[in-house]
Amino acid sequence: MLKTRPQSATKQDGPAKGGLSCYITPGGIAAMRDELNALLRDERPKIVEIVSWAAGNGDRSENGDYQYGKRRLREIDRRIWFLTKRIDNAVIVDPAAQPQRDRVFFGATVTYVTERDAERTVTILGVDEADMAAGQVSLISPVARALMRAGVGDEVRLVTPRGEEMIEVLAISYPSAS
């Protein structure tokens, strides 16, 4: 079965290889690129310099600077590899370009109320952008999956590890197009 991405999804560097976990906002991809550039331009060269200096000090088996530097270099290289793959596979979706603003889709900020009358507001973002402390949930989280395609006034069933509950959508908003 051929899967297609929504019209609002745009890919800059080729076809998408993942599914929903590859969706990201323009701000999210910019943050990932900034982190990758900082690792390549600043942090990795500093650690390489420290490792080179430490290697010249003699016995490497008892040289803490050398051992720590090599370990940190491996961590940086793993993160560079991860970020490169995520950026290559990213499907950039601009929530401000969402034409159907009366339904919940990627990038929507949704206010809903639970059965216990607890009102919550969440923004549905990509896996790499989600931050629960800031009210940002992943597109593949249970609450985001429950809210997808819902409209204001709709009641949807939220299935979580704690059990099921009904939630009602109170408001939906998207960033304004600039």
Protein backbone atom coordinates (compact mmCIF):
# COMPACT_ATOMS: atom_id res chain seq x y z
CA MET A 1 0.00 0.00 0.00
CA LEU A 2 1.38 3.39 -0.97
CA LYS A 3 1.44 5.96 1.81
CA THR A 4 1.26 9.63 0.96
CA ARG A 5 1.92 12.58 3.19
CA PRO A 6 -0.49 15.50 3.57
CA GLN A 7 -0.29 18.31 1.06
CA SER A 8 0.93 20.69 3.75
CA ALA A 9 4.01 18.51 4.30
CA THR A 10 7.06 19.59 2.34
CA LYS A 11 10.36 17.79 2.08
CA GLN A 12 13.44 19.70 1.08
CA ASP A 13 15.99 16.93 0.56
CA GLY A 14 14.10 14.00 -0.98
CA PRO A 15 11.34 11.54 -0.08
CA ALA A 16 10.33 10.79 3.47
CA LYS A 17 11.58 7.46 4.76
CA GLY A 18 9.76 7.37 8.09
CA GLY A 19 6.21 7.84 9.16
CA LEU A 20 4.65 10.30 11.53
CA SER A 21 7.76 10.26 13.72
CA CYS A 22 9.61 12.21 10.99
CA TYR A 23 7.26 15.22 11.03
CA ILE A 24 8.86 18.39 12.38
CA THR A 25 8.11 22.11 12.33
CA PRO A 26 10.41 24.65 10.66
CA GLY A 27 11.46 25.84 14.12
CA GLY A 28 12.24 22.28 15.21
CA ILE A 29 14.42 21.54 12.19
CA ALA A 30 16.25 24.85 12.69
CA ALA A 31 17.01 23.89 16.32
CA MET A 32 18.32 20.49 15.22
CA ARG A 33 20.52 22.08 12.57
CA ASP A 34 21.84 24.61 15.11
CA GLU A 35 22.73 21.81 17.53
CA LEU A 36 24.45 19.82 14.76
CA ASN A 37 26.45 22.87 13.65
CA ALA A 38 27.49 23.66 17.23
CA LEU A 39 28.72 20.09 17.72
CA LEU A 40 30.65 20.09 14.44
CA ARG A 41 32.01 23.62 14.66
CA ASP A 42 32.64 24.11 18.38
CA GLU A 43 32.44 21.14 20.71
CA ARG A 44 34.01 18.35 18.64
CA PRO A 45 37.14 20.34 17.67
CA LYS A 46 37.71 21.29 21.34
CA ILE A 47 37.52 17.66 22.44
CA VAL A 48 39.79 16.53 19.59
CA GLU A 49 42.34 19.11 20.73
CA ILE A 50 42.16 17.88 24.34
CA VAL A 51 42.52 14.24 23.25
CA SER A 52 45.51 15.10 21.05
CA TRP A 53 47.20 16.98 23.90
CA ALA A 54 46.46 14.16 26.36
CA ALA A 55 47.76 11.51 23.95
CA GLY A 56 51.09 13.30 23.83
CA ASN A 57 51.48 13.07 27.61
CA GLY A 58 52.52 9.43 27.63
CA ASP A 59 50.72 6.44 29.15
CA ARG A 60 47.15 6.56 27.86
CA SER A 61 45.83 3.82 30.14
CA GLU A 62 46.18 6.07 33.21
CA ASN A 63 45.51 9.38 31.51
CA GLY A 64 42.08 10.64 32.66
CA ASP A 65 41.97 13.49 30.13
CA TYR A 66 42.59 11.05 27.30
CA GLN A 67 40.05 8.47 28.49
CA TYR A 68 37.35 11.04 29.23
CA GLY A 69 38.05 12.84 25.94
CA LYS A 70 37.74 9.65 23.90
CA ARG A 71 34.48 8.77 25.67
CA ARG A 72 33.10 12.28 25.10
CA LEU A 73 34.19 12.14 21.46
CA ARG A 74 32.21 8.91 20.98
CA GLU A 75 29.13 10.55 22.56
CA ILE A 76 29.45 13.58 20.28
CA ASP A 77 29.91 11.38 17.21
CA ARG A 78 26.81 9.34 18.11
CA ARG A 79 24.78 12.54 18.53
CA ILE A 80 26.09 13.91 15.21
CA TRP A 81 25.11 10.67 13.48
CA PHE A 82 21.65 10.74 15.09
CA LEU A 83 21.00 14.38 14.19
CA THR A 84 22.23 13.88 10.61
CA LYS A 85 19.85 10.94 10.10
CA ARG A 86 16.90 12.76 11.70
CA ILE A 87 17.50 15.86 9.57
CA ASP A 88 17.87 13.77 6.38
CA ASN A 89 14.59 11.94 7.05
CA ALA A 90 12.62 14.94 8.35
CA VAL A 91 9.30 15.91 6.83
CA ILE A 92 8.99 19.63 7.45
CA VAL A 93 5.41 20.71 8.06
CA ASP A 94 4.55 24.35 8.69
CA PRO A 95 1.50 24.47 11.00
CA ALA A 96 0.85 28.08 9.93
CA ALA A 97 0.07 26.78 6.43
CA GLN A 98 -2.67 24.42 7.67
CA PRO A 99 -5.73 25.15 5.51
CA GLN A 100 -8.26 23.26 7.66
CA ARG A 101 -8.04 25.13 10.96
CA ASP A 102 -11.28 23.83 12.47
CA ARG A 103 -9.80 20.36 13.03
CA VAL A 104 -6.82 19.10 15.02
CA PHE A 105 -3.76 18.31 12.90
CA PHE A 106 0.01 18.51 13.36
CA GLY A 107 1.06 21.81 14.92
CA ALA A 108 -2.32 22.60 16.49
CA THR A 109 -2.61 24.04 19.97
CA VAL A 110 -5.58 22.32 21.57
CA THR A 111 -7.41 23.10 24.79
CA TYR A 112 -9.44 20.22 26.16
CA VAL A 113 -11.19 19.24 29.36
CA THR A 114 -11.07 15.81 31.03
CA GLU A 115 -13.83 13.92 32.84
CA ARG A 116 -12.40 15.29 36.11
CA ASP A 117 -12.92 18.87 34.83
CA ALA A 118 -9.19 19.43 34.44
CA GLU A 119 -8.55 21.83 31.58
CA ARG A 120 -5.31 21.31 29.64
CA THR A 121 -3.68 22.97 26.67
CA VAL A 122 -1.20 21.09 24.49
CA THR A 123 0.59 21.77 21.24
CA ILE A 124 1.07 18.77 18.96
CA LEU A 125 4.62 18.70 17.60
CA GLY A 126 7.17 16.25 16.26
CA VAL A 127 8.85 13.55 18.32
CA ASP A 128 12.09 15.52 18.55
CA GLU A 129 10.34 18.74 19.62
CA ALA A 130 7.98 17.46 22.32
CA ASP A 131 8.44 18.84 25.82
CA MET A 132 5.69 17.93 28.29
CA ALA A 133 6.84 20.57 30.77
CA ALA A 134 6.12 23.22 28.12
CA GLY A 135 2.78 21.66 27.11
CA GLN A 136 4.15 20.21 23.87
CA VAL A 137 3.22 16.61 23.10
CA SER A 138 4.53 14.27 20.47
CA LEU A 139 2.42 13.55 17.40
CA ILE A 140 2.51 9.86 18.32
CA SER A 141 1.52 10.32 21.99
CA PRO A 142 -1.82 8.89 23.17
CA VAL A 143 -3.38 12.34 23.69
CA ALA A 144 -2.31 13.56 20.24
CA ARG A 145 -3.60 10.40 18.54
CA ALA A 146 -6.93 10.78 20.36
CA LEU A 147 -7.28 14.44 19.38
CA MET A 148 -6.34 14.07 15.69
CA ARG A 149 -9.06 15.26 13.32
CA ALA A 150 -11.34 16.27 16.21
CA GLY A 151 -13.21 19.57 16.10
CA VAL A 152 -14.32 22.00 18.80
CA GLY A 153 -17.06 20.37 20.88
CA ASP A 154 -16.08 16.82 19.91
CA GLU A 155 -15.68 14.25 22.66
CA VAL A 156 -12.94 11.71 22.03
CA ARG A 157 -11.78 8.64 23.91
CA LEU A 158 -8.28 8.91 25.35
CA VAL A 159 -6.61 5.56 26.04
CA THR A 160 -3.62 5.77 28.39
CA PRO A 161 -1.80 3.29 30.63
CA ARG A 162 -4.02 4.57 33.48
CA GLY A 163 -7.13 3.57 31.55
CA GLU A 164 -9.71 5.21 29.31
CA GLU A 165 -11.38 8.56 29.71
CA MET A 166 -13.40 10.90 27.57
CA ILE A 167 -12.03 14.35 26.78
CA GLU A 168 -13.81 17.25 25.10
CA VAL A 169 -12.11 19.67 22.72
CA LEU A 170 -12.71 23.27 23.81
CA ALA A 171 -10.47 25.24 21.41
CA ILE A 172 -8.12 24.72 18.46
CA SER A 173 -5.59 27.24 17.20
CA TYR A 174 -2.66 27.35 14.81
CA PRO A 175 0.21 29.81 14.45
CA SER A 176 -0.67 32.70 12.17
CA ALA A 177 0.76 32.69 8.67
CA SER A 178 3.50 35.29 8.33
